[in-house]
Amino acid sequence: MKKIIFTFFALVGIFALGGCAHHPVDCAVGFAWADCLPGTAGYNNGVGQPTKENETRQSNVNIAQPEKAKDVYTELTKLDELRKKGIISEAEFDAQKKKILNEK
């Protein structure tokens, strides 16, 4: 009976360290998981490092957002100038402003 209980707790301990939460044993011996810490064999196998595709996607997102904000600002500024000059009415200005803000 003691042997069964010991085996049970030994297996629970192994699984708690190896296959759950942050799997430190797996990372330490080289099994690669996405959340292996730097310096472990699993991280060094390349899983912990960002891929080129993810880096490119992230850089495109960072570039695209300021351009959109700049475009919206430019469009609203031009629209405001037209309103101030009396080329468009207040109602036309409001309608176009809503359209620009909803598109971006």
C-alpha atoms as a PDB file:
ATOM      1  CA  MET A   1       0.000   0.000   0.000  1.00  0.00           C
ATOM      2  CA  LYS A   2       2.838   2.396   0.875  1.00  0.00           C
ATOM      3  CA  LYS A   3       4.439   1.630  -2.479  1.00  0.00           C
ATOM      4  CA  ILE A   4       1.219   2.547  -4.328  1.00  0.00           C
ATOM      5  CA  ILE A   5       0.854   5.809  -2.409  1.00  0.00           C
ATOM      6  CA  PHE A   6       4.515   6.681  -3.016  1.00  0.00           C
ATOM      7  CA  THR A   7       4.170   5.905  -6.724  1.00  0.00           C
ATOM      8  CA  PHE A   8       1.020   8.014  -6.942  1.00  0.00           C
ATOM      9  CA  PHE A   9       2.663  11.063  -5.347  1.00  0.00           C
ATOM     10  CA  ALA A  10       5.833  10.568  -7.383  1.00  0.00           C
ATOM     11  CA  LEU A  11       3.805  10.590 -10.609  1.00  0.00           C
ATOM     12  CA  VAL A  12       1.797  13.613  -9.490  1.00  0.00           C
ATOM     13  CA  GLY A  13       5.048  15.430  -8.712  1.00  0.00           C
ATOM     14  CA  ILE A  14       6.561  14.572 -12.089  1.00  0.00           C
ATOM     15  CA  PHE A  15       3.480  15.715 -13.971  1.00  0.00           C
ATOM     16  CA  ALA A  16       3.250  18.881 -11.880  1.00  0.00           C
ATOM     17  CA  LEU A  17       6.792  19.821 -12.860  1.00  0.00           C
ATOM     18  CA  GLY A  18       6.884  18.489 -16.383  1.00  0.00           C
ATOM     19  CA  GLY A  19       3.626  18.814 -18.216  1.00  0.00           C
ATOM     20  CA  CYS A  20       1.613  21.548 -16.570  1.00  0.00           C
ATOM     21  CA  ALA A  21       1.802  25.274 -15.910  1.00  0.00           C
ATOM     22  CA  HIS A  22       5.142  26.460 -17.239  1.00  0.00           C
ATOM     23  CA  HIS A  23       6.735  23.023 -17.776  1.00  0.00           C
ATOM     24  CA  PRO A  24      10.193  23.959 -16.403  1.00  0.00           C
ATOM     25  CA  VAL A  25      11.519  20.419 -16.709  1.00  0.00           C
ATOM     26  CA  ASP A  26      10.541  20.217 -20.384  1.00  0.00           C
ATOM     27  CA  CYS A  27      12.176  23.564 -21.132  1.00  0.00           C
ATOM     28  CA  ALA A  28      15.285  22.617 -19.172  1.00  0.00           C
ATOM     29  CA  VAL A  29      15.871  19.391 -21.085  1.00  0.00           C
ATOM     30  CA  GLY A  30      15.129  20.925 -24.478  1.00  0.00           C
ATOM     31  CA  PHE A  31      11.471  20.286 -25.228  1.00  0.00           C
ATOM     32  CA  ALA A  32      10.411  23.526 -26.821  1.00  0.00           C
ATOM     33  CA  TRP A  33       7.300  25.324 -25.595  1.00  0.00           C
ATOM     34  CA  ALA A  34       6.217  28.835 -26.513  1.00  0.00           C
ATOM     35  CA  ASP A  35       6.676  30.073 -22.945  1.00  0.00           C
ATOM     36  CA  CYS A  36      10.123  28.615 -22.182  1.00  0.00           C
ATOM     37  CA  LEU A  37      12.313  31.107 -20.357  1.00  0.00           C
ATOM     38  CA  PRO A  38      15.462  32.568 -21.963  1.00  0.00           C
ATOM     39  CA  GLY A  39      18.529  30.502 -21.174  1.00  0.00           C
ATOM     40  CA  THR A  40      16.728  27.157 -21.111  1.00  0.00           C
ATOM     41  CA  ALA A  41      17.346  24.517 -23.751  1.00  0.00           C
ATOM     42  CA  GLY A  42      13.733  24.741 -24.918  1.00  0.00           C
ATOM     43  CA  TYR A  43      14.068  28.475 -25.511  1.00  0.00           C
ATOM     44  CA  ASN A  44      17.394  28.006 -27.278  1.00  0.00           C
ATOM     45  CA  ASN A  45      15.765  25.525 -29.657  1.00  0.00           C
ATOM     46  CA  GLY A  46      14.028  28.510 -31.220  1.00  0.00           C
ATOM     47  CA  VAL A  47      10.507  28.354 -29.886  1.00  0.00           C
ATOM     48  CA  GLY A  48      10.926  31.255 -27.487  1.00  0.00           C
ATOM     49  CA  GLN A  49      12.178  33.537 -30.233  1.00  0.00           C
ATOM     50  CA  PRO A  50       9.766  35.519 -32.387  1.00  0.00           C
ATOM     51  CA  THR A  51       9.434  34.364 -35.969  1.00  0.00           C
ATOM     52  CA  LYS A  52      10.141  36.625 -38.936  1.00  0.00           C
ATOM     53  CA  GLU A  53       6.448  36.522 -39.860  1.00  0.00           C
ATOM     54  CA  ASN A  54       5.413  37.776 -36.413  1.00  0.00           C
ATOM     55  CA  GLU A  55       8.093  40.491 -36.449  1.00  0.00           C
ATOM     56  CA  THR A  56       6.946  41.667 -39.882  1.00  0.00           C
ATOM     57  CA  ARG A  57       3.293  41.610 -38.869  1.00  0.00           C
ATOM     58  CA  GLN A  58       4.050  43.580 -35.694  1.00  0.00           C
ATOM     59  CA  SER A  59       6.127  46.181 -37.548  1.00  0.00           C
ATOM     60  CA  ASN A  60       3.348  46.625 -40.118  1.00  0.00           C
ATOM     61  CA  VAL A  61       0.842  47.218 -37.322  1.00  0.00           C
ATOM     62  CA  ASN A  62       3.107  49.804 -35.710  1.00  0.00           C
ATOM     63  CA  ILE A  63       3.557  51.618 -39.011  1.00  0.00           C
ATOM     64  CA  ALA A  64      -0.079  51.471 -40.117  1.00  0.00           C
ATOM     65  CA  GLN A  65      -1.641  52.984 -37.010  1.00  0.00           C
ATOM     66  CA  PRO A  66       0.147  56.374 -37.091  1.00  0.00           C
ATOM     67  CA  GLU A  67      -0.557  56.716 -40.825  1.00  0.00           C
ATOM     68  CA  LYS A  68      -4.287  56.191 -40.233  1.00  0.00           C
ATOM     69  CA  ALA A  69      -4.319  58.767 -37.458  1.00  0.00           C
ATOM     70  CA  LYS A  70      -2.399  61.192 -39.658  1.00  0.00           C
ATOM     71  CA  ASP A  71      -4.820  60.637 -42.551  1.00  0.00           C
ATOM     72  CA  VAL A  72      -7.846  61.236 -40.322  1.00  0.00           C
ATOM     73  CA  TYR A  73      -6.288  64.386 -38.907  1.00  0.00           C
ATOM     74  CA  THR A  74      -5.432  65.674 -42.403  1.00  0.00           C
ATOM     75  CA  GLU A  75      -8.906  64.947 -43.747  1.00  0.00           C
ATOM     76  CA  LEU A  76     -10.630  66.606 -40.797  1.00  0.00           C
ATOM     77  CA  THR A  77      -8.357  69.642 -41.057  1.00  0.00           C
ATOM     78  CA  LYS A  78      -9.154  70.065 -44.756  1.00  0.00           C
ATOM     79  CA  LEU A  79     -12.839  69.596 -44.058  1.00  0.00           C
ATOM     80  CA  ASP A  80     -12.721  72.212 -41.298  1.00  0.00           C
ATOM     81  CA  GLU A  81     -11.044  74.696 -43.644  1.00  0.00           C
ATOM     82  CA  LEU A  82     -13.813  74.168 -46.214  1.00  0.00           C
ATOM     83  CA  ARG A  83     -16.404  74.812 -43.502  1.00  0.00           C
ATOM     84  CA  LYS A  84     -14.656  77.963 -42.292  1.00  0.00           C
ATOM     85  CA  LYS A  85     -14.462  79.315 -45.862  1.00  0.00           C
ATOM     86  CA  GLY A  86     -18.181  78.676 -46.320  1.00  0.00           C
ATOM     87  CA  ILE A  87     -17.673  76.135 -49.113  1.00  0.00           C
ATOM     88  CA  ILE A  88     -19.609  73.496 -47.175  1.00  0.00           C
ATOM     89  CA  SER A  89     -22.351  73.918 -44.591  1.00  0.00           C
ATOM     90  CA  GLU A  90     -22.208  72.907 -40.932  1.00  0.00           C
ATOM     91  CA  ALA A  91     -24.503  69.936 -41.669  1.00  0.00           C
ATOM     92  CA  GLU A  92     -22.261  68.769 -44.533  1.00  0.00           C
ATOM     93  CA  PHE A  93     -19.226  69.151 -42.286  1.00  0.00           C
ATOM     94  CA  ASP A  94     -20.827  67.047 -39.536  1.00  0.00           C
ATOM     95  CA  ALA A  95     -21.922  64.349 -41.993  1.00  0.00           C
ATOM     96  CA  GLN A  96     -18.469  64.092 -43.581  1.00  0.00           C
ATOM     97  CA  LYS A  97     -16.764  64.128 -40.170  1.00  0.00           C
ATOM     98  CA  LYS A  98     -18.894  61.199 -38.989  1.00  0.00           C
ATOM     99  CA  LYS A  99     -18.131  59.327 -42.202  1.00  0.00           C
ATOM    100  CA  ILE A 100     -14.362  59.863 -41.832  1.00  0.00           C
ATOM    101  CA  LEU A 101     -14.325  58.872 -38.159  1.00  0.00           C
ATOM    102  CA  ASN A 102     -16.395  55.729 -38.761  1.00  0.00           C
ATOM    103  CA  GLU A 103     -14.177  54.550 -41.638  1.00  0.00           C
ATOM    104  CA  LYS A 104     -10.905  54.712 -39.730  1.00  0.00           C
END
